[in-house]
N, C-alpha and C. Protein backbone atom coordinates (compact mmCIF):
# COMPACT_ATOMS: atom_id res chain seq x y z
N MET A 1 101.90 124.25 119.84
CA MET A 1 102.29 122.85 120.00
C MET A 1 101.51 122.01 118.99
N PRO A 2 102.21 121.28 118.11
CA PRO A 2 101.50 120.45 117.12
C PRO A 2 100.68 119.35 117.78
N LYS A 3 99.59 119.00 117.15
CA LYS A 3 98.74 117.91 117.65
C LYS A 3 99.46 116.58 117.45
N LYS A 4 99.02 115.59 118.24
CA LYS A 4 99.59 114.25 118.15
C LYS A 4 98.46 113.23 118.11
N SER A 5 98.64 112.19 117.32
CA SER A 5 97.66 111.11 117.20
C SER A 5 98.36 109.77 117.32
N ALA A 6 97.56 108.74 117.61
CA ALA A 6 98.06 107.38 117.66
C ALA A 6 97.05 106.48 116.94
N GLY A 7 97.55 105.49 116.19
CA GLY A 7 96.66 104.63 115.44
C GLY A 7 97.24 103.27 115.14
N LEU A 8 96.42 102.45 114.50
CA LEU A 8 96.80 101.09 114.13
C LEU A 8 96.70 100.92 112.62
N LEU A 9 97.71 100.27 112.07
CA LEU A 9 97.71 99.88 110.66
C LEU A 9 97.53 98.36 110.63
N ILE A 10 96.31 97.94 110.38
CA ILE A 10 95.96 96.52 110.36
C ILE A 10 96.28 95.96 108.97
N PHE A 11 96.87 94.76 108.94
CA PHE A 11 97.21 94.14 107.66
C PHE A 11 96.89 92.66 107.68
N ARG A 12 96.78 92.11 106.48
CA ARG A 12 96.56 90.68 106.31
C ARG A 12 97.19 90.28 104.98
N GLU A 13 97.31 88.98 104.78
CA GLU A 13 97.79 88.45 103.51
C GLU A 13 96.67 87.62 102.90
N VAL A 14 96.31 87.94 101.67
CA VAL A 14 95.24 87.23 100.96
C VAL A 14 95.78 86.78 99.61
N LEU A 15 95.77 85.49 99.39
CA LEU A 15 96.23 84.92 98.12
C LEU A 15 97.60 85.47 97.70
N GLY A 16 98.49 85.56 98.68
CA GLY A 16 99.85 85.99 98.39
C GLY A 16 100.04 87.49 98.25
N HIS A 17 99.00 88.28 98.58
CA HIS A 17 99.11 89.73 98.47
C HIS A 17 98.85 90.38 99.82
N LEU A 18 99.65 91.36 100.15
CA LEU A 18 99.48 92.12 101.37
C LEU A 18 98.33 93.10 101.19
N GLU A 19 97.42 93.14 102.18
CA GLU A 19 96.32 94.10 102.19
C GLU A 19 96.35 94.85 103.51
N VAL A 20 95.97 96.13 103.46
CA VAL A 20 95.89 96.95 104.67
C VAL A 20 94.47 97.49 104.80
N LEU A 21 94.08 97.72 106.04
CA LEU A 21 92.76 98.25 106.34
C LEU A 21 92.86 99.77 106.51
N LEU A 22 92.12 100.49 105.69
CA LEU A 22 92.07 101.94 105.78
C LEU A 22 90.63 102.39 106.00
N VAL A 23 90.49 103.60 106.53
CA VAL A 23 89.16 104.16 106.77
C VAL A 23 89.02 105.49 106.03
N HIS A 24 87.78 105.78 105.65
CA HIS A 24 87.46 107.02 104.95
C HIS A 24 86.73 107.94 105.92
N PRO A 25 87.17 109.20 106.06
CA PRO A 25 86.53 110.09 107.03
C PRO A 25 85.09 110.41 106.66
N GLY A 26 84.26 110.49 107.67
CA GLY A 26 82.86 110.84 107.46
C GLY A 26 82.66 112.34 107.46
N GLY A 27 81.44 112.72 107.24
CA GLY A 27 81.10 114.14 107.23
C GLY A 27 81.07 114.70 105.83
N PRO A 28 80.43 115.84 105.69
CA PRO A 28 80.18 116.41 104.37
C PRO A 28 81.42 116.86 103.60
N PHE A 29 82.49 117.20 104.29
CA PHE A 29 83.68 117.69 103.60
C PHE A 29 84.38 116.59 102.80
N TRP A 30 84.18 115.33 103.20
CA TRP A 30 84.91 114.22 102.59
C TRP A 30 84.07 113.39 101.63
N THR A 31 82.80 113.71 101.48
CA THR A 31 81.86 112.88 100.72
C THR A 31 82.35 112.53 99.33
N LYS A 32 82.87 113.49 98.60
CA LYS A 32 83.26 113.24 97.21
C LYS A 32 84.76 113.05 97.03
N LYS A 33 85.48 112.91 98.14
CA LYS A 33 86.94 112.72 98.06
C LYS A 33 87.24 111.24 98.25
N ASP A 34 88.13 110.71 97.43
CA ASP A 34 88.49 109.30 97.54
C ASP A 34 90.01 109.15 97.56
N GLU A 35 90.65 109.25 96.41
CA GLU A 35 92.10 109.08 96.39
C GLU A 35 92.77 110.17 97.20
N GLY A 36 93.67 109.76 98.07
CA GLY A 36 94.37 110.70 98.93
C GLY A 36 93.56 111.15 100.14
N ALA A 37 92.44 110.47 100.43
CA ALA A 37 91.59 110.89 101.54
C ALA A 37 91.52 109.85 102.67
N TRP A 38 91.89 108.62 102.41
CA TRP A 38 91.78 107.54 103.39
C TRP A 38 92.91 107.63 104.40
N SER A 39 92.75 106.91 105.52
CA SER A 39 93.70 107.02 106.62
C SER A 39 93.76 105.70 107.39
N ILE A 40 94.80 105.59 108.22
CA ILE A 40 94.75 104.53 109.22
C ILE A 40 93.80 105.02 110.31
N PRO A 41 93.08 104.12 110.99
CA PRO A 41 92.24 104.57 112.11
C PRO A 41 93.15 105.12 113.21
N LYS A 42 92.91 106.35 113.61
CA LYS A 42 93.77 107.00 114.60
C LYS A 42 92.99 108.10 115.30
N GLY A 43 93.57 108.61 116.37
CA GLY A 43 92.94 109.71 117.08
C GLY A 43 93.93 110.43 117.95
N GLU A 44 93.56 111.64 118.32
CA GLU A 44 94.44 112.48 119.12
C GLU A 44 94.50 112.00 120.57
N PHE A 45 95.60 112.31 121.21
CA PHE A 45 95.78 112.00 122.62
C PHE A 45 96.36 113.21 123.34
N GLN A 46 96.17 113.21 124.64
CA GLN A 46 96.70 114.27 125.50
C GLN A 46 98.02 113.83 126.12
N ASP A 47 98.83 114.80 126.51
CA ASP A 47 100.07 114.47 127.20
C ASP A 47 99.75 113.60 128.41
N GLY A 48 100.56 112.57 128.59
CA GLY A 48 100.37 111.66 129.71
C GLY A 48 99.53 110.45 129.37
N GLU A 49 98.78 110.48 128.29
CA GLU A 49 97.98 109.32 127.89
C GLU A 49 98.89 108.26 127.29
N ASP A 50 98.55 107.00 127.50
CA ASP A 50 99.30 105.90 126.91
C ASP A 50 99.01 105.84 125.41
N LEU A 51 100.06 105.89 124.59
CA LEU A 51 99.89 105.95 123.13
C LEU A 51 99.21 104.70 122.58
N LEU A 52 99.65 103.54 123.02
CA LEU A 52 99.07 102.31 122.49
C LEU A 52 97.60 102.16 122.91
N SER A 53 97.28 102.51 124.14
CA SER A 53 95.87 102.48 124.58
C SER A 53 95.03 103.42 123.74
N THR A 54 95.58 104.59 123.43
CA THR A 54 94.87 105.54 122.57
C THR A 54 94.64 104.94 121.20
N ALA A 55 95.68 104.34 120.61
CA ALA A 55 95.57 103.75 119.27
C ALA A 55 94.48 102.69 119.24
N LYS A 56 94.45 101.81 120.23
CA LYS A 56 93.43 100.75 120.28
C LYS A 56 92.03 101.33 120.48
N ARG A 57 91.92 102.29 121.39
CA ARG A 57 90.61 102.91 121.67
C ARG A 57 90.07 103.59 120.42
N GLU A 58 90.91 104.37 119.75
CA GLU A 58 90.47 105.08 118.56
C GLU A 58 90.08 104.11 117.44
N PHE A 59 90.83 103.03 117.30
CA PHE A 59 90.48 102.02 116.29
C PHE A 59 89.09 101.49 116.56
N GLU A 60 88.84 101.12 117.82
CA GLU A 60 87.53 100.56 118.17
C GLU A 60 86.41 101.58 118.00
N GLU A 61 86.66 102.84 118.37
CA GLU A 61 85.63 103.86 118.22
C GLU A 61 85.31 104.12 116.75
N GLU A 62 86.34 104.14 115.91
CA GLU A 62 86.13 104.48 114.50
C GLU A 62 85.61 103.33 113.67
N THR A 63 85.82 102.08 114.13
CA THR A 63 85.42 100.94 113.30
C THR A 63 84.40 100.02 113.98
N GLY A 64 84.30 100.07 115.29
CA GLY A 64 83.45 99.12 116.01
C GLY A 64 84.05 97.74 116.06
N LEU A 65 85.29 97.59 115.62
CA LEU A 65 85.96 96.29 115.57
C LEU A 65 87.06 96.23 116.62
N ILE A 66 87.35 95.02 117.11
CA ILE A 66 88.39 94.84 118.11
C ILE A 66 89.51 94.00 117.51
N PRO A 67 90.65 94.62 117.19
CA PRO A 67 91.75 93.88 116.61
C PRO A 67 92.51 93.09 117.68
N ASN A 68 93.09 91.99 117.27
CA ASN A 68 93.88 91.18 118.18
C ASN A 68 95.03 90.57 117.40
N GLY A 69 96.24 90.84 117.85
CA GLY A 69 97.41 90.29 117.19
C GLY A 69 98.68 90.91 117.73
N GLU A 70 99.78 90.42 117.23
CA GLU A 70 101.08 90.93 117.64
C GLU A 70 101.30 92.33 117.06
N LEU A 71 101.77 93.23 117.90
CA LEU A 71 102.00 94.61 117.47
C LEU A 71 103.42 94.78 116.94
N ILE A 72 103.53 95.55 115.87
CA ILE A 72 104.81 95.90 115.28
C ILE A 72 104.93 97.42 115.36
N PRO A 73 105.84 97.93 116.20
CA PRO A 73 105.95 99.39 116.29
C PRO A 73 106.48 99.99 114.99
N LEU A 74 105.90 101.11 114.60
CA LEU A 74 106.36 101.86 113.43
C LEU A 74 106.93 103.19 113.92
N GLU A 75 107.80 103.76 113.14
CA GLU A 75 108.36 105.07 113.49
C GLU A 75 107.29 106.14 113.32
N PRO A 76 107.23 107.12 114.23
CA PRO A 76 106.26 108.20 114.09
C PRO A 76 106.48 108.97 112.78
N VAL A 77 105.40 109.50 112.25
CA VAL A 77 105.44 110.25 110.99
C VAL A 77 104.82 111.63 111.21
N ARG A 78 105.54 112.67 110.79
CA ARG A 78 105.00 114.03 110.88
C ARG A 78 104.21 114.31 109.60
N GLN A 79 102.94 114.71 109.79
CA GLN A 79 102.05 115.02 108.67
C GLN A 79 102.36 116.41 108.13
N PRO A 80 101.95 116.71 106.89
CA PRO A 80 102.16 118.05 106.34
C PRO A 80 101.59 119.16 107.24
N SER A 81 100.54 118.85 108.01
CA SER A 81 99.93 119.84 108.92
C SER A 81 100.79 120.10 110.15
N GLY A 82 101.80 119.25 110.35
CA GLY A 82 102.64 119.35 111.54
C GLY A 82 102.28 118.32 112.60
N LYS A 83 101.09 117.69 112.46
CA LYS A 83 100.67 116.67 113.43
C LYS A 83 101.65 115.50 113.40
N LEU A 84 101.98 114.98 114.57
CA LEU A 84 102.85 113.82 114.69
C LEU A 84 101.97 112.60 114.95
N VAL A 85 102.10 111.58 114.11
CA VAL A 85 101.28 110.38 114.24
C VAL A 85 102.16 109.20 114.63
N TYR A 86 101.78 108.55 115.72
CA TYR A 86 102.44 107.33 116.19
C TYR A 86 101.56 106.16 115.75
N ALA A 87 102.19 105.07 115.32
CA ALA A 87 101.38 103.95 114.84
C ALA A 87 102.05 102.61 115.11
N TRP A 88 101.22 101.59 115.18
CA TRP A 88 101.65 100.21 115.27
C TRP A 88 100.95 99.44 114.17
N ALA A 89 101.64 98.48 113.61
CA ALA A 89 101.03 97.58 112.64
C ALA A 89 100.62 96.32 113.39
N MET A 90 99.57 95.66 112.88
CA MET A 90 99.11 94.42 113.49
C MET A 90 98.52 93.53 112.41
N ARG A 91 98.99 92.27 112.36
CA ARG A 91 98.39 91.29 111.45
C ARG A 91 97.08 90.81 112.08
N CYS A 92 95.98 91.03 111.37
CA CYS A 92 94.67 90.69 111.90
C CYS A 92 93.68 90.71 110.75
N ASP A 93 93.01 89.61 110.51
CA ASP A 93 92.05 89.53 109.41
C ASP A 93 90.65 89.82 109.95
N LEU A 94 90.28 91.08 109.97
CA LEU A 94 88.99 91.50 110.51
C LEU A 94 87.88 91.42 109.47
N ASP A 95 86.71 90.97 109.91
CA ASP A 95 85.52 90.93 109.06
C ASP A 95 84.84 92.30 109.14
N LEU A 96 84.77 93.00 108.03
CA LEU A 96 84.22 94.35 108.03
C LEU A 96 82.70 94.40 108.10
N ALA A 97 82.05 93.23 108.15
CA ALA A 97 80.59 93.21 108.29
C ALA A 97 80.16 93.85 109.61
N GLY A 98 81.05 93.85 110.61
CA GLY A 98 80.74 94.45 111.90
C GLY A 98 81.14 95.91 112.02
N PHE A 99 81.54 96.52 110.91
CA PHE A 99 81.99 97.91 110.92
C PHE A 99 80.88 98.85 111.37
N LYS A 100 81.19 99.71 112.34
CA LYS A 100 80.26 100.74 112.79
C LYS A 100 81.08 101.82 113.48
N SER A 101 80.97 103.04 113.00
CA SER A 101 81.73 104.15 113.55
C SER A 101 80.94 104.95 114.57
N ASN A 102 81.67 105.59 115.47
CA ASN A 102 81.04 106.57 116.34
C ASN A 102 80.65 107.78 115.50
N THR A 103 79.95 108.74 116.09
CA THR A 103 79.48 109.90 115.33
C THR A 103 79.94 111.20 115.99
N PHE A 104 79.80 112.27 115.23
CA PHE A 104 80.06 113.61 115.75
C PHE A 104 78.97 114.53 115.23
N SER A 105 78.78 115.64 115.90
CA SER A 105 77.76 116.61 115.53
C SER A 105 78.42 117.88 115.03
N MET A 106 77.87 118.44 113.95
CA MET A 106 78.38 119.72 113.45
C MET A 106 77.25 120.50 112.79
N GLU A 107 77.43 121.79 112.75
CA GLU A 107 76.45 122.63 112.09
C GLU A 107 76.54 122.40 110.59
N TRP A 108 75.41 122.00 110.01
CA TRP A 108 75.38 121.73 108.57
C TRP A 108 74.00 121.97 108.02
N PRO A 109 73.86 122.71 106.95
CA PRO A 109 74.91 123.46 106.26
C PRO A 109 75.48 124.57 107.15
N PRO A 110 76.68 125.06 106.80
CA PRO A 110 77.32 126.10 107.61
C PRO A 110 76.40 127.31 107.80
N LYS A 111 76.44 127.84 109.00
CA LYS A 111 75.68 129.04 109.39
C LYS A 111 74.17 128.87 109.28
N SER A 112 73.70 127.61 109.27
CA SER A 112 72.26 127.35 109.16
C SER A 112 71.60 127.27 110.53
N GLY A 113 72.41 127.06 111.57
CA GLY A 113 71.85 126.87 112.90
C GLY A 113 71.35 125.45 113.13
N GLN A 114 71.46 124.61 112.10
CA GLN A 114 71.03 123.21 112.21
C GLN A 114 72.24 122.32 112.44
N TYR A 115 72.11 121.42 113.41
CA TYR A 115 73.20 120.49 113.69
C TYR A 115 72.80 119.10 113.24
N LYS A 116 73.74 118.44 112.61
CA LYS A 116 73.51 117.07 112.13
C LYS A 116 74.58 116.15 112.66
N GLU A 117 74.22 114.88 112.77
CA GLU A 117 75.16 113.84 113.20
C GLU A 117 75.78 113.20 111.96
N PHE A 118 77.07 112.97 112.02
CA PHE A 118 77.80 112.30 110.94
C PHE A 118 78.70 111.23 111.54
N PRO A 119 78.92 110.14 110.82
CA PRO A 119 79.87 109.16 111.31
C PRO A 119 81.29 109.73 111.22
N GLU A 120 82.10 109.44 112.22
CA GLU A 120 83.50 109.89 112.17
C GLU A 120 84.21 109.24 110.98
N VAL A 121 83.84 108.00 110.71
CA VAL A 121 84.37 107.24 109.58
C VAL A 121 83.17 106.67 108.84
N ASP A 122 83.11 106.88 107.52
CA ASP A 122 81.93 106.36 106.81
C ASP A 122 82.19 105.07 106.03
N GLN A 123 83.46 104.69 105.90
CA GLN A 123 83.80 103.44 105.22
C GLN A 123 85.08 102.87 105.80
N ALA A 124 85.18 101.56 105.77
CA ALA A 124 86.43 100.85 106.07
C ALA A 124 86.59 99.82 104.97
N ALA A 125 87.81 99.66 104.48
CA ALA A 125 88.01 98.72 103.38
C ALA A 125 89.44 98.19 103.39
N TRP A 126 89.56 97.01 102.83
CA TRP A 126 90.88 96.39 102.62
C TRP A 126 91.40 96.80 101.25
N PHE A 127 92.68 97.16 101.19
CA PHE A 127 93.32 97.55 99.93
C PHE A 127 94.67 96.87 99.81
N THR A 128 95.01 96.48 98.57
CA THR A 128 96.38 96.04 98.33
C THR A 128 97.29 97.24 98.54
N ILE A 129 98.57 96.99 98.72
CA ILE A 129 99.52 98.08 98.95
C ILE A 129 99.52 99.07 97.79
N ASP A 130 99.47 98.58 96.56
CA ASP A 130 99.46 99.48 95.40
C ASP A 130 98.27 100.43 95.45
N VAL A 131 97.09 99.91 95.72
CA VAL A 131 95.89 100.74 95.78
C VAL A 131 95.94 101.63 97.02
N ALA A 132 96.39 101.08 98.14
CA ALA A 132 96.47 101.87 99.38
C ALA A 132 97.37 103.09 99.21
N ASN A 133 98.43 102.95 98.44
CA ASN A 133 99.34 104.09 98.21
C ASN A 133 98.64 105.23 97.48
N ARG A 134 97.60 104.92 96.73
CA ARG A 134 96.82 105.98 96.05
C ARG A 134 95.70 106.51 96.94
N LYS A 135 95.13 105.64 97.77
CA LYS A 135 93.98 106.01 98.59
C LYS A 135 94.37 106.79 99.85
N ILE A 136 95.49 106.43 100.47
CA ILE A 136 95.85 106.99 101.77
C ILE A 136 96.31 108.44 101.66
N LEU A 137 96.10 109.19 102.74
CA LEU A 137 96.63 110.55 102.81
C LEU A 137 98.13 110.52 102.53
N LYS A 138 98.58 111.44 101.72
CA LYS A 138 99.98 111.46 101.30
C LYS A 138 100.94 111.39 102.50
N GLY A 139 100.61 112.08 103.55
CA GLY A 139 101.47 112.12 104.73
C GLY A 139 101.56 110.81 105.48
N GLN A 140 100.70 109.83 105.16
CA GLN A 140 100.73 108.54 105.84
C GLN A 140 101.36 107.44 105.00
N ILE A 141 101.75 107.74 103.78
CA ILE A 141 102.42 106.74 102.93
C ILE A 141 103.65 106.15 103.62
N PRO A 142 104.42 106.92 104.40
CA PRO A 142 105.57 106.31 105.08
C PRO A 142 105.20 105.13 105.97
N PHE A 143 103.99 105.09 106.53
CA PHE A 143 103.58 103.93 107.32
C PHE A 143 103.49 102.68 106.44
N LEU A 144 102.97 102.83 105.24
CA LEU A 144 102.89 101.68 104.32
C LEU A 144 104.29 101.20 103.95
N ASN A 145 105.20 102.14 103.71
CA ASN A 145 106.58 101.78 103.38
C ASN A 145 107.26 101.07 104.54
N GLN A 146 107.06 101.58 105.75
CA GLN A 146 107.65 100.94 106.93
C GLN A 146 107.11 99.53 107.11
N LEU A 147 105.81 99.38 106.92
CA LEU A 147 105.20 98.05 107.08
C LEU A 147 105.82 97.06 106.11
N GLN A 148 105.93 97.44 104.86
CA GLN A 148 106.52 96.54 103.87
C GLN A 148 107.95 96.16 104.25
N GLN A 149 108.73 97.13 104.69
CA GLN A 149 110.12 96.86 105.06
C GLN A 149 110.19 95.93 106.26
N LYS A 150 109.37 96.19 107.27
CA LYS A 150 109.39 95.35 108.47
C LYS A 150 108.93 93.93 108.16
N LEU A 151 107.96 93.79 107.26
CA LEU A 151 107.50 92.45 106.91
C LEU A 151 108.58 91.68 106.16
N LYS A 152 109.30 92.36 105.31
CA LYS A 152 110.42 91.72 104.61
C LYS A 152 111.48 91.26 105.60
N ASP A 153 111.74 92.09 106.61
CA ASP A 153 112.81 91.81 107.56
C ASP A 153 112.41 90.79 108.62
N THR A 154 111.14 90.73 108.99
CA THR A 154 110.73 90.01 110.18
C THR A 154 109.85 88.79 109.92
N TYR A 155 108.92 88.91 108.98
CA TYR A 155 107.89 87.90 108.83
C TYR A 155 108.07 87.07 107.58
N GLN A 156 107.57 85.86 107.68
CA GLN A 156 107.55 84.98 106.52
C GLN A 156 106.24 85.23 105.78
N ILE A 157 106.28 86.16 104.85
CA ILE A 157 105.13 86.39 103.99
C ILE A 157 105.59 86.16 102.57
N SER A 158 104.67 85.93 101.69
CA SER A 158 105.07 85.62 100.32
C SER A 158 105.84 86.78 99.70
N LYS A 159 106.71 86.48 98.77
CA LYS A 159 107.59 87.47 98.15
C LYS A 159 106.79 88.60 97.49
N ASN A 160 105.71 88.28 96.80
CA ASN A 160 104.90 89.29 96.12
C ASN A 160 104.22 90.23 97.10
N SER A 161 103.91 89.72 98.28
CA SER A 161 103.12 90.45 99.24
C SER A 161 103.78 91.73 99.72
N ALA A 162 105.08 91.71 99.90
CA ALA A 162 105.78 92.87 100.48
C ALA A 162 106.34 93.80 99.43
N GLN A 163 105.96 93.64 98.20
CA GLN A 163 106.48 94.52 97.15
C GLN A 163 105.55 95.67 96.90
């Protein structure tokens, strides 16, 4: 059975340009990876769990921030790994000065018997759509495309912003 996750794609408009909030995974495997490594804040859920509650909880755990705004449902996206990701977009201009991720423990270096703590997410940043398309995991690009389409259809944002 493929894994399932739920997350939030936070966006804002700055000087006529659409920006999205992405996070970079923590831990030693991701240290030197940048383009194609970022993600929307998300996390796995179990059958029976409320998807939206999971998305909000995971966002708060990974960023230490509490988003507030109108939710825009996005269509689920199947990742190359087979994982199915459910997501909602939300317009919310969060100050990243309060960013703080939860941590996880893993044996590092491998087979050393030593366990170290790492942040689940080591960075959060705002990116324009053009930059986000390069930074985000390839399998999550459809969320950016859906957001742009929904903003064109639903919201009054500047013409340049949704391109």
